[in-house]
């Protein structure tokens, strides 16, 4: 089901296409409405989402692989099953240490992604 903000209701993975999101990175926006967005992101080894910030709260679940995660100059190695939370306007980024995938949840939704 689609509303003015995007896809809601029952959402099937195969109904959505991957899109390139940088060198060695692709993403798939699965569902969103004005208050929340769910995005799957796959990384090739050594691909990076460079340090950036945005006004959204973000929580990310690492589905497979591992990353070096940076939040406000603090770096940690995180692996499948781990989660990190980024508050609005904090510098953050990730580098994939192997072929990896994470799922991001943003609130509110990322208008710049659609």
PDB file of N, CA and C in Angstrom:
ATOM      1  N   UNK A   1       0.854  -1.164   0.000  1.00  0.00           N
ATOM      2  CA  UNK A   1       0.000   0.000   0.000  1.00  0.00           C
ATOM      3  C   UNK A   1       0.905   1.233   0.000  1.00  0.00           C
ATOM      4  N   UNK A   2       0.551   2.242  -0.790  1.00  0.00           N
ATOM      5  CA  UNK A   2       1.330   3.469  -0.823  1.00  0.00           C
ATOM      6  C   UNK A   2       0.506   4.627  -0.315  1.00  0.00           C
ATOM      7  N   UNK A   3       1.162   5.514   0.426  1.00  0.00           N
ATOM      8  CA  UNK A   3       0.505   6.742   0.843  1.00  0.00           C
ATOM      9  C   UNK A   3       1.365   7.903   0.367  1.00  0.00           C
ATOM     10  N   UNK A   4       1.081   9.114   0.825  1.00  0.00           N
ATOM     11  CA  UNK A   4       1.829  10.267   0.335  1.00  0.00           C
ATOM     12  C   UNK A   4       3.297  10.225   0.710  1.00  0.00           C
ATOM     13  N   UNK A   5       3.670   9.414   1.705  1.00  0.00           N
ATOM     14  CA  UNK A   5       5.055   9.344   2.130  1.00  0.00           C
ATOM     15  C   UNK A   5       5.803   8.133   1.589  1.00  0.00           C
ATOM     16  N   UNK A   6       5.123   7.064   1.209  1.00  0.00           N
ATOM     17  CA  UNK A   6       5.822   5.892   0.719  1.00  0.00           C
ATOM     18  C   UNK A   6       5.026   4.629   0.916  1.00  0.00           C
ATOM     19  N   UNK A   7       5.749   3.532   1.065  1.00  0.00           N
ATOM     20  CA  UNK A   7       5.137   2.222   1.153  1.00  0.00           C
ATOM     21  C   UNK A   7       4.871   1.875   2.614  1.00  0.00           C
ATOM     22  N   UNK A   8       3.637   1.470   2.910  1.00  0.00           N
ATOM     23  CA  UNK A   8       3.276   1.032   4.253  1.00  0.00           C
ATOM     24  C   UNK A   8       2.474  -0.261   4.141  1.00  0.00           C
ATOM     25  N   UNK A   9       2.123  -0.853   5.258  1.00  0.00           N
ATOM     26  CA  UNK A   9       1.359  -2.099   5.241  1.00  0.00           C
ATOM     27  C   UNK A   9       2.290  -3.281   5.063  1.00  0.00           C
ATOM     28  N   UNK A  10       1.898  -4.244   4.251  1.00  0.00           N
ATOM     29  CA  UNK A  10       2.701  -5.432   4.006  1.00  0.00           C
ATOM     30  C   UNK A  10       3.754  -5.097   2.948  1.00  0.00           C
ATOM     31  N   UNK A  11       5.001  -5.328   3.290  1.00  0.00           N
ATOM     32  CA  UNK A  11       6.101  -4.944   2.406  1.00  0.00           C
ATOM     33  C   UNK A  11       6.908  -6.196   2.078  1.00  0.00           C
ATOM     34  N   UNK A  12       7.061  -6.481   0.784  1.00  0.00           N
ATOM     35  CA  UNK A  12       7.780  -7.670   0.336  1.00  0.00           C
ATOM     36  C   UNK A  12       9.107  -7.263  -0.285  1.00  0.00           C
ATOM     37  N   UNK A  13      10.165  -7.891   0.181  1.00  0.00           N
ATOM     38  CA  UNK A  13      11.521  -7.586  -0.266  1.00  0.00           C
ATOM     39  C   UNK A  13      11.639  -7.564  -1.786  1.00  0.00           C
ATOM     40  N   UNK A  14      11.078  -8.554  -2.451  1.00  0.00           N
ATOM     41  CA  UNK A  14      11.232  -8.663  -3.904  1.00  0.00           C
ATOM     42  C   UNK A  14      10.499  -7.581  -4.684  1.00  0.00           C
ATOM     43  N   UNK A  15       9.662  -6.797  -4.019  1.00  0.00           N
ATOM     44  CA  UNK A  15       8.964  -5.702  -4.684  1.00  0.00           C
ATOM     45  C   UNK A  15       9.809  -4.439  -4.788  1.00  0.00           C
ATOM     46  N   UNK A  16      11.011  -4.461  -4.205  1.00  0.00           N
ATOM     47  CA  UNK A  16      11.866  -3.276  -4.170  1.00  0.00           C
ATOM     48  C   UNK A  16      13.214  -3.583  -4.817  1.00  0.00           C
ATOM     49  N   UNK A  17      13.740  -2.600  -5.515  1.00  0.00           N
ATOM     50  CA  UNK A  17      15.000  -2.772  -6.233  1.00  0.00           C
ATOM     51  C   UNK A  17      16.157  -2.131  -5.470  1.00  0.00           C
ATOM     52  N   UNK A  18      17.331  -2.726  -5.638  1.00  0.00           N
ATOM     53  CA  UNK A  18      18.553  -2.147  -5.093  1.00  0.00           C
ATOM     54  C   UNK A  18      18.930  -0.933  -5.946  1.00  0.00           C
ATOM     55  N   UNK A  19      19.527   0.054  -5.306  1.00  0.00           N
ATOM     56  CA  UNK A  19      20.067   1.196  -6.037  1.00  0.00           C
ATOM     57  C   UNK A  19      21.483   1.468  -5.556  1.00  0.00           C
ATOM     58  N   UNK A  20      22.335   1.891  -6.470  1.00  0.00           N
ATOM     59  CA  UNK A  20      23.725   2.202  -6.115  1.00  0.00           C
ATOM     60  C   UNK A  20      23.727   3.414  -5.199  1.00  0.00           C
ATOM     61  N   UNK A  21      24.574   3.335  -4.174  1.00  0.00           N
ATOM     62  CA  UNK A  21      24.607   4.398  -3.167  1.00  0.00           C
ATOM     63  C   UNK A  21      26.044   4.772  -2.836  1.00  0.00           C
ATOM     64  N   UNK A  22      26.905   4.730  -3.815  1.00  0.00           N
ATOM     65  CA  UNK A  22      28.318   5.006  -3.590  1.00  0.00           C
ATOM     66  C   UNK A  22      29.150   3.844  -4.073  1.00  0.00           C
ATOM     67  N   UNK A  23      30.445   4.019  -4.062  1.00  0.00           N
ATOM     68  CA  UNK A  23      31.361   2.994  -4.543  1.00  0.00           C
ATOM     69  C   UNK A  23      31.298   1.764  -3.646  1.00  0.00           C
ATOM     70  N   UNK A  24      30.826   0.640  -4.207  1.00  0.00           N
ATOM     71  CA  UNK A  24      30.761  -0.611  -3.465  1.00  0.00           C
ATOM     72  C   UNK A  24      29.610  -0.697  -2.484  1.00  0.00           C
ATOM     73  N   UNK A  25      28.626   0.210  -2.600  1.00  0.00           N
ATOM     74  CA  UNK A  25      27.493   0.234  -1.679  1.00  0.00           C
ATOM     75  C   UNK A  25      26.199   0.280  -2.479  1.00  0.00           C
ATOM     76  N   UNK A  26      25.231  -0.511  -2.040  1.00  0.00           N
ATOM     77  CA  UNK A  26      23.897  -0.403  -2.627  1.00  0.00           C
ATOM     78  C   UNK A  26      22.876  -0.455  -1.505  1.00  0.00           C
ATOM     79  N   UNK A  27      21.733   0.182  -1.740  1.00  0.00           N
ATOM     80  CA  UNK A  27      20.698   0.234  -0.709  1.00  0.00           C
ATOM     81  C   UNK A  27      19.340  -0.093  -1.312  1.00  0.00           C
ATOM     82  N   UNK A  28      18.449  -0.491  -0.428  1.00  0.00           N
ATOM     83  CA  UNK A  28      17.073  -0.798  -0.811  1.00  0.00           C
ATOM     84  C   UNK A  28      16.169  -0.186   0.261  1.00  0.00           C
ATOM     85  N   UNK A  29      15.376   0.795  -0.140  1.00  0.00           N
ATOM     86  CA  UNK A  29      14.416   1.398   0.775  1.00  0.00           C
ATOM     87  C   UNK A  29      13.212   0.467   0.831  1.00  0.00           C
ATOM     88  N   UNK A  30      12.956  -0.086   2.008  1.00  0.00           N
ATOM     89  CA  UNK A  30      11.902  -1.086   2.132  1.00  0.00           C
ATOM     90  C   UNK A  30      10.553  -0.495   2.502  1.00  0.00           C
ATOM     91  N   UNK A  31      10.530   0.429   3.415  1.00  0.00           N
ATOM     92  CA  UNK A  31       9.265   1.024   3.798  1.00  0.00           C
ATOM     93  C   UNK A  31       9.484   2.283   4.600  1.00  0.00           C
ATOM     94  N   UNK A  32       8.522   3.182   4.497  1.00  0.00           N
ATOM     95  CA  UNK A  32       8.603   4.397   5.281  1.00  0.00           C
ATOM     96  C   UNK A  32       7.275   5.121   5.302  1.00  0.00           C
ATOM     97  N   UNK A  33       7.163   5.979   6.285  1.00  0.00           N
ATOM     98  CA  UNK A  33       6.128   6.994   6.364  1.00  0.00           C
ATOM     99  C   UNK A  33       6.816   8.178   7.021  1.00  0.00           C
ATOM    100  N   UNK A  34       6.133   9.252   7.313  1.00  0.00           N
ATOM    101  CA  UNK A  34       6.815  10.477   7.712  1.00  0.00           C
ATOM    102  C   UNK A  34       7.643  10.356   8.990  1.00  0.00           C
ATOM    103  N   UNK A  35       7.332   9.399   9.857  1.00  0.00           N
ATOM    104  CA  UNK A  35       8.031   9.301  11.135  1.00  0.00           C
ATOM    105  C   UNK A  35       9.124   8.236  11.194  1.00  0.00           C
ATOM    106  N   UNK A  36       9.214   7.370  10.176  1.00  0.00           N
ATOM    107  CA  UNK A  36      10.170   6.259  10.258  1.00  0.00           C
ATOM    108  C   UNK A  36      10.487   5.730   8.862  1.00  0.00           C
ATOM    109  N   UNK A  37      11.699   5.200   8.711  1.00  0.00           N
ATOM    110  CA  UNK A  37      12.129   4.619   7.433  1.00  0.00           C
ATOM    111  C   UNK A  37      13.039   3.419   7.716  1.00  0.00           C
ATOM    112  N   UNK A  38      12.894   2.358   6.911  1.00  0.00           N
ATOM    113  CA  UNK A  38      13.724   1.162   7.014  1.00  0.00           C
ATOM    114  C   UNK A  38      14.462   0.972   5.699  1.00  0.00           C
ATOM    115  N   UNK A  39      15.801   0.848   5.786  1.00  0.00           N
ATOM    116  CA  UNK A  39      16.645   0.749   4.599  1.00  0.00           C
ATOM    117  C   UNK A  39      17.672  -0.372   4.788  1.00  0.00           C
ATOM    118  N   UNK A  40      17.745  -1.293   3.826  1.00  0.00           N
ATOM    119  CA  UNK A  40      18.791  -2.324   3.814  1.00  0.00           C
ATOM    120  C   UNK A  40      19.970  -1.778   3.016  1.00  0.00           C
ATOM    121  N   UNK A  41      21.194  -1.995   3.509  1.00  0.00           N
ATOM    122  CA  UNK A  41      22.378  -1.474   2.840  1.00  0.00           C
ATOM    123  C   UNK A  41      23.434  -2.575   2.776  1.00  0.00           C
ATOM    124  N   UNK A  42      23.917  -2.875   1.563  1.00  0.00           N
ATOM    125  CA  UNK A  42      24.982  -3.868   1.366  1.00  0.00           C
ATOM    126  C   UNK A  42      26.284  -3.164   1.003  1.00  0.00           C
ATOM    127  N   UNK A  43      27.393  -3.665   1.540  1.00  0.00           N
ATOM    128  CA  UNK A  43      28.717  -3.102   1.320  1.00  0.00           C
ATOM    129  C   UNK A  43      29.665  -4.165   0.803  1.00  0.00           C
ATOM    130  N   UNK A  44      30.451  -3.834  -0.202  1.00  0.00           N
ATOM    131  CA  UNK A  44      31.589  -4.662  -0.595  1.00  0.00           C
ATOM    132  C   UNK A  44      32.692  -4.431   0.434  1.00  0.00           C
ATOM    133  N   UNK A  45      33.645  -5.345   0.502  1.00  0.00           N
ATOM    134  CA  UNK A  45      34.788  -5.183   1.414  1.00  0.00           C
ATOM    135  C   UNK A  45      35.471  -3.851   1.142  1.00  0.00           C
ATOM    136  N   UNK A  46      35.793  -3.130   2.178  1.00  0.00           N
ATOM    137  CA  UNK A  46      36.481  -1.832   2.158  1.00  0.00           C
ATOM    138  C   UNK A  46      35.614  -0.662   1.704  1.00  0.00           C
ATOM    139  N   UNK A  47      34.370  -0.897   1.342  1.00  0.00           N
ATOM    140  CA  UNK A  47      33.474   0.216   0.990  1.00  0.00           C
ATOM    141  C   UNK A  47      33.161   1.006   2.261  1.00  0.00           C
ATOM    142  N   UNK A  48      32.992   2.317   2.092  1.00  0.00           N
ATOM    143  CA  UNK A  48      32.784   3.170   3.261  1.00  0.00           C
ATOM    144  C   UNK A  48      31.656   4.166   3.047  1.00  0.00           C
ATOM    145  N   UNK A  49      30.890   4.361   4.098  1.00  0.00           N
ATOM    146  CA  UNK A  49      29.987   5.509   4.197  1.00  0.00           C
ATOM    147  C   UNK A  49      30.777   6.511   5.022  1.00  0.00           C
ATOM    148  N   UNK A  50      31.386   7.464   4.342  1.00  0.00           N
ATOM    149  CA  UNK A  50      32.292   8.411   4.995  1.00  0.00           C
ATOM    150  C   UNK A  50      31.593   9.202   6.091  1.00  0.00           C
ATOM    151  N   UNK A  51      32.388   9.799   6.945  1.00  0.00           N
ATOM    152  CA  UNK A  51      31.860  10.571   8.068  1.00  0.00           C
ATOM    153  C   UNK A  51      30.880  11.624   7.555  1.00  0.00           C
ATOM    154  N   UNK A  52      29.700  11.626   8.162  1.00  0.00           N
ATOM    155  CA  UNK A  52      28.643  12.566   7.788  1.00  0.00           C
ATOM    156  C   UNK A  52      27.725  12.750   8.991  1.00  0.00           C
ATOM    157  N   UNK A  53      26.779  13.647   8.872  1.00  0.00           N
ATOM    158  CA  UNK A  53      25.764  13.815   9.920  1.00  0.00           C
ATOM    159  C   UNK A  53      24.473  14.265   9.271  1.00  0.00           C
ATOM    160  N   UNK A  54      23.383  14.047   9.978  1.00  0.00           N
ATOM    161  CA  UNK A  54      22.055  14.431   9.498  1.00  0.00           C
ATOM    162  C   UNK A  54      21.151  14.644  10.707  1.00  0.00           C
ATOM    163  N   UNK A  55      20.020  15.308  10.502  1.00  0.00           N
ATOM    164  CA  UNK A  55      19.146  15.637  11.632  1.00  0.00           C
ATOM    165  C   UNK A  55      18.239  14.490  12.094  1.00  0.00           C
ATOM    166  N   UNK A  56      18.471  13.287  11.580  1.00  0.00           N
ATOM    167  CA  UNK A  56      17.635  12.132  11.911  1.00  0.00           C
ATOM    168  C   UNK A  56      18.301  11.287  13.000  1.00  0.00           C
ATOM    169  N   UNK A  57      17.494  10.655  13.829  1.00  0.00           N
ATOM    170  CA  UNK A  57      17.999   9.603  14.704  1.00  0.00           C
ATOM    171  C   UNK A  57      18.119   8.356  13.846  1.00  0.00           C
ATOM    172  N   UNK A  58      19.210   7.618  14.021  1.00  0.00           N
ATOM    173  CA  UNK A  58      19.467   6.411  13.227  1.00  0.00           C
ATOM    174  C   UNK A  58      19.861   5.276  14.153  1.00  0.00           C
ATOM    175  N   UNK A  59      19.268   4.118  13.947  1.00  0.00           N
ATOM    176  CA  UNK A  59      19.713   2.909  14.630  1.00  0.00           C
ATOM    177  C   UNK A  59      19.987   1.878  13.543  1.00  0.00           C
ATOM    178  N   UNK A  60      21.138   1.216  13.643  1.00  0.00           N
ATOM    179  CA  UNK A  60      21.584   0.288  12.597  1.00  0.00           C
ATOM    180  C   UNK A  60      21.885  -1.075  13.190  1.00  0.00           C
ATOM    181  N   UNK A  61      21.340  -2.107  12.556  1.00  0.00           N
ATOM    182  CA  UNK A  61      21.567  -3.497  12.951  1.00  0.00           C
ATOM    183  C   UNK A  61      22.447  -4.151  11.893  1.00  0.00           C
ATOM    184  N   UNK A  62      23.568  -4.692  12.312  1.00  0.00           N
ATOM    185  CA  UNK A  62      24.469  -5.376  11.379  1.00  0.00           C
ATOM    186  C   UNK A  62      23.952  -6.788  11.172  1.00  0.00           C
ATOM    187  N   UNK A  63      23.533  -7.067   9.942  1.00  0.00           N
ATOM    188  CA  UNK A  63      22.915  -8.349   9.601  1.00  0.00           C
ATOM    189  C   UNK A  63      23.982  -9.400   9.309  1.00  0.00           C
ATOM    190  N   UNK A  64      25.018  -9.007   8.562  1.00  0.00           N
ATOM    191  CA  UNK A  64      26.115  -9.936   8.276  1.00  0.00           C
ATOM    192  C   UNK A  64      27.399  -9.149   8.059  1.00  0.00           C
ATOM    193  N   UNK A  65      28.514  -9.813   8.293  1.00  0.00           N
ATOM    194  CA  UNK A  65      29.805  -9.175   8.102  1.00  0.00           C
ATOM    195  C   UNK A  65      30.254  -8.394   9.316  1.00  0.00           C
ATOM    196  N   UNK A  66      31.136  -7.421   9.069  1.00  0.00           N
ATOM    197  CA  UNK A  66      31.668  -6.601  10.159  1.00  0.00           C
ATOM    198  C   UNK A  66      32.063  -5.232   9.612  1.00  0.00           C
ATOM    199  N   UNK A  67      32.077  -4.262  10.515  1.00  0.00           N
ATOM    200  CA  UNK A  67      32.363  -2.871  10.174  1.00  0.00           C
ATOM    201  C   UNK A  67      33.262  -2.237  11.218  1.00  0.00           C
ATOM    202  N   UNK A  68      34.029  -1.259  10.783  1.00  0.00           N
ATOM    203  CA  UNK A  68      34.604  -0.297  11.712  1.00  0.00           C
ATOM    204  C   UNK A  68      33.598   0.848  11.737  1.00  0.00           C
ATOM    205  N   UNK A  69      33.037   1.102  12.900  1.00  0.00           N
ATOM    206  CA  UNK A  69      32.003   2.123  13.058  1.00  0.00           C
ATOM    207  C   UNK A  69      32.603   3.297  13.827  1.00  0.00           C
ATOM    208  N   UNK A  70      32.400   4.490  13.308  1.00  0.00           N
ATOM    209  CA  UNK A  70      32.872   5.702  13.972  1.00  0.00           C
ATOM    210  C   UNK A  70      31.671   6.559  14.343  1.00  0.00           C
ATOM    211  N   UNK A  71      31.627   6.969  15.606  1.00  0.00           N
ATOM    212  CA  UNK A  71      30.620   7.916  16.086  1.00  0.00           C
ATOM    213  C   UNK A  71      31.357   8.962  16.906  1.00  0.00           C
ATOM    214  N   UNK A  72      31.322  10.210  16.422  1.00  0.00           N
ATOM    215  CA  UNK A  72      32.003  11.319  17.124  1.00  0.00           C
ATOM    216  C   UNK A  72      33.450  10.985  17.488  1.00  0.00           C
ATOM    217  N   UNK A  73      34.231  10.549  16.534  1.00  0.00           N
ATOM    218  CA  UNK A  73      35.663  10.250  16.693  1.00  0.00           C
ATOM    219  C   UNK A  73      35.960   8.991  17.508  1.00  0.00           C
ATOM    220  N   UNK A  74      34.955   8.285  18.001  1.00  0.00           N
ATOM    221  CA  UNK A  74      35.172   7.017  18.693  1.00  0.00           C
ATOM    222  C   UNK A  74      34.942   5.894  17.695  1.00  0.00           C
ATOM    223  N   UNK A  75      35.916   4.968  17.603  1.00  0.00           N
ATOM    224  CA  UNK A  75      35.830   3.861  16.641  1.00  0.00           C
ATOM    225  C   UNK A  75      35.698   2.541  17.383  1.00  0.00           C
ATOM    226  N   UNK A  76      34.850   1.676  16.826  1.00  0.00           N
ATOM    227  CA  UNK A  76      34.667   0.329  17.361  1.00  0.00           C
ATOM    228  C   UNK A  76      34.528  -0.638  16.203  1.00  0.00           C
ATOM    229  N   UNK A  77      35.016  -1.858  16.395  1.00  0.00           N
ATOM    230  CA  UNK A  77      34.782  -2.936  15.440  1.00  0.00           C
ATOM    231  C   UNK A  77      33.498  -3.632  15.881  1.00  0.00           C
ATOM    232  N   UNK A  78      32.550  -3.739  14.940  1.00  0.00           N
ATOM    233  CA  UNK A  78      31.264  -4.349  15.248  1.00  0.00           C
ATOM    234  C   UNK A  78      30.974  -5.429  14.227  1.00  0.00           C
ATOM    235  N   UNK A  79      30.241  -6.461  14.648  1.00  0.00           N
ATOM    236  CA  UNK A  79      29.988  -7.609  13.771  1.00  0.00           C
ATOM    237  C   UNK A  79      28.499  -7.948  13.738  1.00  0.00           C
ATOM    238  N   UNK A  80      28.166  -8.945  12.933  1.00  0.00           N
ATOM    239  CA  UNK A  80      26.771  -9.377  12.776  1.00  0.00           C
ATOM    240  C   UNK A  80      26.108  -9.552  14.133  1.00  0.00           C
ATOM    241  N   UNK A  81      24.918  -8.993  14.261  1.00  0.00           N
ATOM    242  CA  UNK A  81      24.158  -9.053  15.503  1.00  0.00           C
ATOM    243  C   UNK A  81      24.289  -7.796  16.338  1.00  0.00           C
ATOM    244  N   UNK A  82      25.354  -7.009  16.116  1.00  0.00           N
ATOM    245  CA  UNK A  82      25.558  -5.784  16.875  1.00  0.00           C
ATOM    246  C   UNK A  82      24.696  -4.655  16.312  1.00  0.00           C
ATOM    247  N   UNK A  83      24.471  -3.660  17.159  1.00  0.00           N
ATOM    248  CA  UNK A  83      23.623  -2.520  16.810  1.00  0.00           C
ATOM    249  C   UNK A  83      24.322  -1.241  17.266  1.00  0.00           C
ATOM    250  N   UNK A  84      24.206  -0.183  16.469  1.00  0.00           N
ATOM    251  CA  UNK A  84      24.669   1.121  16.939  1.00  0.00           C
ATOM    252  C   UNK A  84      23.572   2.159  16.736  1.00  0.00           C
ATOM    253  N   UNK A  85      23.558   3.142  17.622  1.00  0.00           N
ATOM    254  CA  UNK A  85      22.547   4.195  17.630  1.00  0.00           C
ATOM    255  C   UNK A  85      23.247   5.537  17.482  1.00  0.00           C
ATOM    256  N   UNK A  86      22.774   6.341  16.541  1.00  0.00           N
ATOM    257  CA  UNK A  86      23.353   7.655  16.279  1.00  0.00           C
ATOM    258  C   UNK A  86      22.271   8.708  16.503  1.00  0.00           C
ATOM    259  N   UNK A  87      22.527   9.604  17.436  1.00  0.00           N
ATOM    260  CA  UNK A  87      21.588  10.688  17.696  1.00  0.00           C
ATOM    261  C   UNK A  87      21.720  11.766  16.624  1.00  0.00           C
ATOM    262  N   UNK A  88      20.725  12.636  16.481  1.00  0.00           N
ATOM    263  CA  UNK A  88      20.762  13.660  15.436  1.00  0.00           C
ATOM    264  C   UNK A  88      22.023  14.519  15.485  1.00  0.00           C
ATOM    265  N   UNK A  89      22.547  14.803  14.309  1.00  0.00           N
ATOM    266  CA  UNK A  89      23.671  15.719  14.097  1.00  0.00           C
ATOM    267  C   UNK A  89      25.003  15.269  14.694  1.00  0.00           C
ATOM    268  N   UNK A  90      25.155  13.980  14.981  1.00  0.00           N
ATOM    269  CA  UNK A  90      26.461  13.458  15.399  1.00  0.00           C
ATOM    270  C   UNK A  90      27.213  12.970  14.163  1.00  0.00           C
ATOM    271  N   UNK A  91      28.509  13.257  14.113  1.00  0.00           N
ATOM    272  CA  UNK A  91      29.340  12.727  13.034  1.00  0.00           C
ATOM    273  C   UNK A  91      29.409  11.214  13.173  1.00  0.00           C
ATOM    274  N   UNK A  92      29.263  10.505  12.044  1.00  0.00           N
ATOM    275  CA  UNK A  92      29.343   9.045  12.070  1.00  0.00           C
ATOM    276  C   UNK A  92      29.646   8.516  10.676  1.00  0.00           C
ATOM    277  N   UNK A  93      30.152   7.289  10.613  1.00  0.00           N
ATOM    278  CA  UNK A  93      30.431   6.627   9.351  1.00  0.00           C
ATOM    279  C   UNK A  93      30.824   5.184   9.611  1.00  0.00           C
ATOM    280  N   UNK A  94      30.884   4.401   8.544  1.00  0.00           N
ATOM    281  CA  UNK A  94      31.267   2.989   8.658  1.00  0.00           C
ATOM    282  C   UNK A  94      32.186   2.610   7.504  1.00  0.00           C
ATOM    283  N   UNK A  95      33.034   1.616   7.752  1.00  0.00           N
ATOM    284  CA  UNK A  95      33.842   0.980   6.710  1.00  0.00           C
ATOM    285  C   UNK A  95      33.653  -0.523   6.851  1.00  0.00           C
ATOM    286  N   UNK A  96      33.303  -1.178   5.747  1.00  0.00           N
ATOM    287  CA  UNK A  96      33.085  -2.625   5.766  1.00  0.00           C
ATOM    288  C   UNK A  96      34.429  -3.349   5.799  1.00  0.00           C
ATOM    289  N   UNK A  97      34.604  -4.239   6.741  1.00  0.00           N
ATOM    290  CA  UNK A  97      35.836  -5.011   6.862  1.00  0.00           C
ATOM    291  C   UNK A  97      35.787  -6.285   6.028  1.00  0.00           C
ATOM    292  N   UNK A  98      34.608  -6.593   5.503  1.00  0.00           N
ATOM    293  CA  UNK A  98      34.358  -7.736   4.630  1.00  0.00           C
ATOM    294  C   UNK A  98      33.028  -7.452   3.934  1.00  0.00           C
ATOM    295  N   UNK A  99      32.586  -8.309   3.036  1.00  0.00           N
ATOM    296  CA  UNK A  99      31.262  -8.121   2.436  1.00  0.00           C
ATOM    297  C   UNK A  99      30.261  -8.129   3.588  1.00  0.00           C
ATOM    298  N   UNK A 100      29.445  -7.091   3.685  1.00  0.00           N
ATOM    299  CA  UNK A 100      28.606  -6.901   4.865  1.00  0.00           C
ATOM    300  C   UNK A 100      27.267  -6.286   4.497  1.00  0.00           C
ATOM    301  N   UNK A 101      26.335  -6.379   5.443  1.00  0.00           N
ATOM    302  CA  UNK A 101      25.017  -5.780   5.255  1.00  0.00           C
ATOM    303  C   UNK A 101      24.512  -5.273   6.587  1.00  0.00           C
ATOM    304  N   UNK A 102      23.865  -4.118   6.545  1.00  0.00           N
ATOM    305  CA  UNK A 102      23.196  -3.614   7.729  1.00  0.00           C
ATOM    306  C   UNK A 102      21.807  -3.115   7.355  1.00  0.00           C
ATOM    307  N   UNK A 103      20.982  -2.956   8.362  1.00  0.00           N
ATOM    308  CA  UNK A 103      19.648  -2.404   8.176  1.00  0.00           C
ATOM    309  C   UNK A 103      19.566  -1.148   9.032  1.00  0.00           C
ATOM    310  N   UNK A 104      19.252  -0.029   8.373  1.00  0.00           N
ATOM    311  CA  UNK A 104      19.132   1.260   9.046  1.00  0.00           C
ATOM    312  C   UNK A 104      17.668   1.591   9.273  1.00  0.00           C
ATOM    313  N   UNK A 105      17.388   2.160  10.438  1.00  0.00           N
ATOM    314  CA  UNK A 105      16.086   2.736  10.730  1.00  0.00           C
ATOM    315  C   UNK A 105      16.329   4.211  11.036  1.00  0.00           C
ATOM    316  N   UNK A 106      15.577   5.072  10.360  1.00  0.00           N
ATOM    317  CA  UNK A 106      15.690   6.508  10.559  1.00  0.00           C
ATOM    318  C   UNK A 106      14.365   7.070  11.055  1.00  0.00           C
ATOM    319  N   UNK A 107      14.464   8.059  11.940  1.00  0.00           N
ATOM    320  CA  UNK A 107      13.285   8.812  12.323  1.00  0.00           C
ATOM    321  C   UNK A 107      13.660  10.278  12.417  1.00  0.00           C
ATOM    322  N   UNK A 108      12.902  11.165  11.784  1.00  0.00           N
ATOM    323  CA  UNK A 108      11.866  10.872  10.810  1.00  0.00           C
ATOM    324  C   UNK A 108      12.482  10.286   9.542  1.00  0.00           C
ATOM    325  N   UNK A 109      11.659  10.025   8.543  1.00  0.00           N
ATOM    326  CA  UNK A 109      12.174   9.426   7.302  1.00  0.00           C
ATOM    327  C   UNK A 109      13.140  10.373   6.604  1.00  0.00           C
ATOM    328  N   UNK A 110      14.025   9.809   5.784  1.00  0.00           N
ATOM    329  CA  UNK A 110      15.025  10.582   5.047  1.00  0.00           C
ATOM    330  C   UNK A 110      14.417  11.076   3.740  1.00  0.00           C
ATOM    331  N   UNK A 111      13.942  12.288   3.722  1.00  0.00           N
ATOM    332  CA  UNK A 111      13.384  12.879   2.511  1.00  0.00           C
ATOM    333  C   UNK A 111      14.399  12.870   1.383  1.00  0.00           C
ATOM    334  N   UNK A 112      15.682  13.023   1.730  1.00  0.00           N
ATOM    335  CA  UNK A 112      16.735  13.057   0.716  1.00  0.00           C
ATOM    336  C   UNK A 112      16.962  11.703   0.060  1.00  0.00           C
ATOM    337  N   UNK A 113      16.406  10.625   0.608  1.00  0.00           N
ATOM    338  CA  UNK A 113      16.549   9.303   0.030  1.00  0.00           C
ATOM    339  C   UNK A 113      15.469   8.988  -1.013  1.00  0.00           C
ATOM    340  N   UNK A 114      14.371   9.740  -0.996  1.00  0.00           N
ATOM    341  CA  UNK A 114      13.256   9.428  -1.903  1.00  0.00           C
ATOM    342  C   UNK A 114      13.063  10.507  -2.951  1.00  0.00           C
TER     343      UNK A 114
END
